[in-house]
PDB file of all heavy atoms in Angstrom:
ATOM      1  N   VAL A   1      59.119  14.891  62.921  1.00  0.00           N
ATOM      2  CA  VAL A   1      58.325  15.824  62.082  1.00  0.00           C
ATOM      3  C   VAL A   1      59.039  16.286  60.874  1.00  0.00           C
ATOM      4  O   VAL A   1      58.553  16.101  59.728  1.00  0.00           O
ATOM      5  CB  VAL A   1      57.901  17.070  62.940  1.00  0.00           C
ATOM      6  CG1 VAL A   1      57.132  18.084  62.039  1.00  0.00           C
ATOM      7  CG2 VAL A   1      56.929  16.680  64.057  1.00  0.00           C
ATOM      8  N   TYR A   2      60.271  16.628  61.070  1.00  0.00           N
ATOM      9  CA  TYR A   2      61.048  17.133  59.739  1.00  0.00           C
ATOM     10  C   TYR A   2      61.105  16.121  58.764  1.00  0.00           C
ATOM     11  O   TYR A   2      60.730  16.319  57.586  1.00  0.00           O
ATOM     12  CB  TYR A   2      62.325  17.736  60.224  1.00  0.00           C
ATOM     13  CG  TYR A   2      63.161  18.262  59.087  1.00  0.00           C
ATOM     14  CD1 TYR A   2      62.748  19.495  58.535  1.00  0.00           C
ATOM     15  CD2 TYR A   2      64.241  17.640  58.431  1.00  0.00           C
ATOM     16  CE1 TYR A   2      63.390  20.032  57.391  1.00  0.00           C
ATOM     17  CE2 TYR A   2      64.873  18.156  57.440  1.00  0.00           C
ATOM     18  CZ  TYR A   2      64.556  19.430  56.903  1.00  0.00           C
ATOM     19  OH  TYR A   2      65.245  19.941  55.853  1.00  0.00           O
ATOM     20  N   GLY A   3      61.676  14.935  59.024  1.00  0.00           N
ATOM     21  CA  GLY A   3      61.962  13.887  58.028  1.00  0.00           C
ATOM     22  C   GLY A   3      60.626  13.316  57.431  1.00  0.00           C
ATOM     23  O   GLY A   3      60.408  13.224  56.203  1.00  0.00           O
ATOM     24  N   ASP A   4      59.634  13.164  58.302  1.00  0.00           N
ATOM     25  CA  ASP A   4      58.279  12.768  57.731  1.00  0.00           C
ATOM     26  C   ASP A   4      57.655  13.612  56.803  1.00  0.00           C
ATOM     27  O   ASP A   4      57.071  13.358  55.765  1.00  0.00           O
ATOM     28  CB  ASP A   4      57.386  12.316  58.977  1.00  0.00           C
ATOM     29  CG  ASP A   4      57.930  11.103  59.700  1.00  0.00           C
ATOM     30  OD1 ASP A   4      58.845  10.516  59.338  1.00  0.00           O
ATOM     31  OD2 ASP A   4      57.299  10.821  60.788  1.00  0.00           O
ATOM     32  N   SER A   5      57.758  14.978  57.219  1.00  0.00           N
ATOM     33  CA  SER A   5      57.244  16.065  56.288  1.00  0.00           C
ATOM     34  C   SER A   5      57.976  16.137  55.135  1.00  0.00           C
ATOM     35  O   SER A   5      57.314  16.415  54.103  1.00  0.00           O
ATOM     36  CB  SER A   5      57.212  17.317  57.065  1.00  0.00           C
ATOM     37  OG  SER A   5      56.504  17.343  58.260  1.00  0.00           O
ATOM     38  N   LYS A   6      59.161  16.018  54.983  1.00  0.00           N
ATOM     39  CA  LYS A   6      60.019  16.081  53.820  1.00  0.00           C
ATOM     40  C   LYS A   6      59.642  14.810  52.814  1.00  0.00           C
ATOM     41  O   LYS A   6      59.651  14.901  51.603  1.00  0.00           O
ATOM     42  CB  LYS A   6      61.508  15.933  54.096  1.00  0.00           C
ATOM     43  CG  LYS A   6      62.075  17.250  54.522  1.00  0.00           C
ATOM     44  CD  LYS A   6      61.970  18.327  53.495  1.00  0.00           C
ATOM     45  CE  LYS A   6      62.788  19.579  53.824  1.00  0.00           C
ATOM     46  NZ  LYS A   6      62.703  20.538  52.634  1.00  0.00           N
ATOM     47  N   ILE A   7      59.379  13.586  53.419  1.00  0.00           N
ATOM     48  CA  ILE A   7      58.636  12.526  52.694  1.00  0.00           C
ATOM     49  C   ILE A   7      57.506  12.962  51.928  1.00  0.00           C
ATOM     50  O   ILE A   7      57.372  12.786  50.670  1.00  0.00           O
ATOM     51  CB  ILE A   7      58.565  11.316  53.605  1.00  0.00           C
ATOM     52  CG1 ILE A   7      59.718  10.772  54.075  1.00  0.00           C
ATOM     53  CG2 ILE A   7      57.704  10.219  52.757  1.00  0.00           C
ATOM     54  CD1 ILE A   7      59.669   9.561  55.061  1.00  0.00           C
ATOM     55  N   GLU A   8      56.575  13.566  52.730  1.00  0.00           N
ATOM     56  CA  GLU A   8      55.288  13.997  52.077  1.00  0.00           C
ATOM     57  C   GLU A   8      55.603  14.951  50.972  1.00  0.00           C
ATOM     58  O   GLU A   8      54.980  15.051  49.865  1.00  0.00           O
ATOM     59  CB  GLU A   8      54.294  14.508  53.085  1.00  0.00           C
ATOM     60  CG  GLU A   8      53.929  13.642  53.987  1.00  0.00           C
ATOM     61  CD  GLU A   8      52.754  14.169  54.941  1.00  0.00           C
ATOM     62  OE1 GLU A   8      51.730  14.627  54.460  1.00  0.00           O
ATOM     63  OE2 GLU A   8      53.006  14.184  56.131  1.00  0.00           O
ATOM     64  N   ALA A   9      56.529  15.946  51.289  1.00  0.00           N
ATOM     65  CA  ALA A   9      56.860  17.015  50.308  1.00  0.00           C
ATOM     66  C   ALA A   9      57.428  16.427  48.980  1.00  0.00           C
ATOM     67  O   ALA A   9      57.167  16.777  47.815  1.00  0.00           O
ATOM     68  CB  ALA A   9      57.799  18.081  50.836  1.00  0.00           C
ATOM     69  N   GLU A  10      58.209  15.446  49.129  1.00  0.00           N
ATOM     70  CA  GLU A  10      58.829  14.710  47.931  1.00  0.00           C
ATOM     71  C   GLU A  10      57.786  13.975  47.190  1.00  0.00           C
ATOM     72  O   GLU A  10      57.707  14.059  45.873  1.00  0.00           O
ATOM     73  CB  GLU A  10      59.868  13.569  48.346  1.00  0.00           C
ATOM     74  CG  GLU A  10      61.293  14.140  48.484  1.00  0.00           C
ATOM     75  CD  GLU A  10      62.311  13.072  48.472  1.00  0.00           C
ATOM     76  OE1 GLU A  10      61.951  11.989  47.967  1.00  0.00           O
ATOM     77  OE2 GLU A  10      63.444  13.216  49.039  1.00  0.00           O
ATOM     78  N   GLN A  11      56.800  13.438  47.855  1.00  0.00           N
ATOM     79  CA  GLN A  11      55.602  12.811  47.228  1.00  0.00           C
ATOM     80  C   GLN A  11      54.831  13.807  46.299  1.00  0.00           C
ATOM     81  O   GLN A  11      54.363  13.555  45.276  1.00  0.00           O
ATOM     82  CB  GLN A  11      54.772  12.028  48.187  1.00  0.00           C
ATOM     83  CG  GLN A  11      55.498  10.794  48.751  1.00  0.00           C
ATOM     84  CD  GLN A  11      54.676  10.232  49.887  1.00  0.00           C
ATOM     85  OE1 GLN A  11      54.021  10.939  50.682  1.00  0.00           O
ATOM     86  NE2 GLN A  11      54.830   8.990  50.167  1.00  0.00           N
ATOM     87  N   VAL A  12      54.737  15.048  46.916  1.00  0.00           N
ATOM     88  CA  VAL A  12      54.057  16.061  46.259  1.00  0.00           C
ATOM     89  C   VAL A  12      54.856  16.344  44.957  1.00  0.00           C
ATOM     90  O   VAL A  12      54.253  16.497  43.809  1.00  0.00           O
ATOM     91  CB  VAL A  12      53.921  17.327  47.074  1.00  0.00           C
ATOM     92  CG1 VAL A  12      53.475  18.551  46.132  1.00  0.00           C
ATOM     93  CG2 VAL A  12      52.900  17.054  48.229  1.00  0.00           C
ATOM     94  N   VAL A  13      56.122  16.553  45.062  1.00  0.00           N
ATOM     95  CA  VAL A  13      56.971  16.813  43.913  1.00  0.00           C
ATOM     96  C   VAL A  13      56.916  15.800  42.851  1.00  0.00           C
ATOM     97  O   VAL A  13      56.774  16.094  41.624  1.00  0.00           O
ATOM     98  CB  VAL A  13      58.456  17.053  44.366  1.00  0.00           C
ATOM     99  CG1 VAL A  13      59.369  17.349  43.169  1.00  0.00           C
ATOM    100  CG2 VAL A  13      58.505  18.314  45.351  1.00  0.00           C
ATOM    101  N   ARG A  14      57.017  14.525  43.368  1.00  0.00           N
ATOM    102  CA  ARG A  14      56.961  13.428  42.285  1.00  0.00           C
ATOM    103  C   ARG A  14      55.609  13.379  41.546  1.00  0.00           C
ATOM    104  O   ARG A  14      55.467  13.075  40.371  1.00  0.00           O
ATOM    105  CB  ARG A  14      57.260  12.152  42.970  1.00  0.00           C
ATOM    106  CG  ARG A  14      58.617  12.073  43.371  1.00  0.00           C
ATOM    107  CD  ARG A  14      59.028  10.758  44.116  1.00  0.00           C
ATOM    108  NE  ARG A  14      60.445  10.253  43.862  1.00  0.00           N
ATOM    109  CZ  ARG A  14      60.998   9.284  44.564  1.00  0.00           C
ATOM    110  NH1 ARG A  14      60.191   8.404  45.266  1.00  0.00           N
ATOM    111  NH2 ARG A  14      62.131   8.909  44.213  1.00  0.00           N
ATOM    112  N   GLY A  15      54.554  13.731  42.336  1.00  0.00           N
ATOM    113  CA  GLY A  15      53.253  13.785  41.668  1.00  0.00           C
ATOM    114  C   GLY A  15      53.153  14.897  40.582  1.00  0.00           C
ATOM    115  O   GLY A  15      52.615  14.736  39.557  1.00  0.00           O
ATOM    116  N   LEU A  16      53.790  15.960  40.831  1.00  0.00           N
ATOM    117  CA  LEU A  16      53.862  17.015  39.857  1.00  0.00           C
ATOM    118  C   LEU A  16      54.730  16.710  38.716  1.00  0.00           C
ATOM    119  O   LEU A  16      54.588  17.077  37.508  1.00  0.00           O
ATOM    120  CB  LEU A  16      54.445  18.384  40.467  1.00  0.00           C
ATOM    121  CG  LEU A  16      53.214  19.333  41.071  1.00  0.00           C
ATOM    122  CD1 LEU A  16      52.349  19.968  39.971  1.00  0.00           C
ATOM    123  CD2 LEU A  16      52.465  18.676  42.155  1.00  0.00           C
ATOM    124  N   ALA A  17      55.786  15.946  38.959  1.00  0.00           N
ATOM    125  CA  ALA A  17      56.723  15.446  37.957  1.00  0.00           C
ATOM    126  C   ALA A  17      55.975  14.563  36.992  1.00  0.00           C
ATOM    127  O   ALA A  17      56.194  14.512  35.703  1.00  0.00           O
ATOM    128  CB  ALA A  17      57.920  14.729  38.512  1.00  0.00           C
ATOM    129  N   ALA A  18      55.028  13.701  37.516  1.00  0.00           N
ATOM    130  CA  ALA A  18      54.289  12.883  36.680  1.00  0.00           C
ATOM    131  C   ALA A  18      53.241  13.588  35.801  1.00  0.00           C
ATOM    132  O   ALA A  18      52.875  13.085  34.672  1.00  0.00           O
ATOM    133  CB  ALA A  18      53.442  11.851  37.464  1.00  0.00           C
ATOM    134  N   ARG A  19      52.962  14.816  36.203  1.00  0.00           N
ATOM    135  CA  ARG A  19      52.192  15.722  35.373  1.00  0.00           C
ATOM    136  C   ARG A  19      52.987  16.584  34.368  1.00  0.00           C
ATOM    137  O   ARG A  19      52.345  17.486  33.745  1.00  0.00           O
ATOM    138  CB  ARG A  19      51.235  16.646  36.250  1.00  0.00           C
ATOM    139  CG  ARG A  19      50.271  15.892  37.105  1.00  0.00           C
ATOM    140  CD  ARG A  19      49.636  16.694  38.216  1.00  0.00           C
ATOM    141  NE  ARG A  19      49.155  17.998  37.809  1.00  0.00           N
ATOM    142  CZ  ARG A  19      48.754  19.027  38.605  1.00  0.00           C
ATOM    143  NH1 ARG A  19      48.840  18.779  39.905  1.00  0.00           N
ATOM    144  NH2 ARG A  19      48.328  20.171  38.116  1.00  0.00           N
ATOM    145  N   GLY A  20      54.178  16.523  34.433  1.00  0.00           N
ATOM    146  CA  GLY A  20      55.076  17.181  33.417  1.00  0.00           C
ATOM    147  C   GLY A  20      56.009  18.197  34.030  1.00  0.00           C
ATOM    148  O   GLY A  20      56.690  18.851  33.213  1.00  0.00           O
ATOM    149  N   LEU A  21      56.091  18.323  35.336  1.00  0.00           N
ATOM    150  CA  LEU A  21      57.055  19.368  35.900  1.00  0.00           C
ATOM    151  C   LEU A  21      58.401  18.728  35.739  1.00  0.00           C
ATOM    152  O   LEU A  21      58.742  17.697  36.328  1.00  0.00           O
ATOM    153  CB  LEU A  21      56.790  19.610  37.306  1.00  0.00           C
ATOM    154  CG  LEU A  21      57.681  20.669  38.051  1.00  0.00           C
ATOM    155  CD1 LEU A  21      57.313  22.038  37.470  1.00  0.00           C
ATOM    156  CD2 LEU A  21      57.393  20.647  39.517  1.00  0.00           C
ATOM    157  N   PRO A  22      59.352  19.469  35.121  1.00  0.00           N
ATOM    158  CA  PRO A  22      60.816  19.031  34.918  1.00  0.00           C
ATOM    159  C   PRO A  22      61.614  19.247  36.131  1.00  0.00           C
ATOM    160  O   PRO A  22      62.440  20.139  36.162  1.00  0.00           O
ATOM    161  CB  PRO A  22      61.194  19.868  33.600  1.00  0.00           C
ATOM    162  CG  PRO A  22      60.526  21.077  33.699  1.00  0.00           C
ATOM    163  CD  PRO A  22      59.160  20.738  34.475  1.00  0.00           C
ATOM    164  N   VAL A  23      61.389  18.509  37.275  1.00  0.00           N
ATOM    165  CA  VAL A  23      62.075  18.614  38.494  1.00  0.00           C
ATOM    166  C   VAL A  23      63.062  17.620  38.835  1.00  0.00           C
ATOM    167  O   VAL A  23      62.857  16.419  38.488  1.00  0.00           O
ATOM    168  CB  VAL A  23      61.018  18.811  39.629  1.00  0.00           C
ATOM    169  CG1 VAL A  23      60.045  17.520  39.595  1.00  0.00           C
ATOM    170  CG2 VAL A  23      61.556  19.128  40.822  1.00  0.00           C
ATOM    171  N   THR A  24      64.141  18.050  39.464  1.00  0.00           N
ATOM    172  CA  THR A  24      65.120  17.023  39.991  1.00  0.00           C
ATOM    173  C   THR A  24      65.138  17.268  41.405  1.00  0.00           C
ATOM    174  O   THR A  24      65.177  18.368  42.035  1.00  0.00           O
ATOM    175  CB  THR A  24      66.538  17.330  39.424  1.00  0.00           C
ATOM    176  OG1 THR A  24      66.477  17.173  37.974  1.00  0.00           O
ATOM    177  CG2 THR A  24      67.560  16.416  39.952  1.00  0.00           C
TER     178      THR A  24
END
């Protein structure tokens, strides 16, 4: 659960980065 959920969370973050969020 933990690792798979963190994958999904990263995908969310990368989607927001594509919309202009300056995230590392």
